[in-house]
């Protein structure tokens, strides 16, 4: 699984990235999930994201303009693994 946090590096983007890492840690799937920061604006536009931060899981946008907490991200991971 690949989780991407899209954002230019603002505090909300960094917090979402930290929450994503925490969610992966809680999931116990550290070797199965890659978490990546994406700061390239052209990538945001290609993906249709115009408000950051955004959370993308396996190429699907799951959240835009919100800082999901680790618990919310963990639920997304669990649903994706089913």
Foldseek 3Di string as FASTA:
>chain_A
DEKEWEEQDDPLSVLLLVLLVVLCVVLVPVVPYHYYYDNDPVVCVVLVADADGWMADPSRTDDGNDRDGNVVNNVVVVVVVD
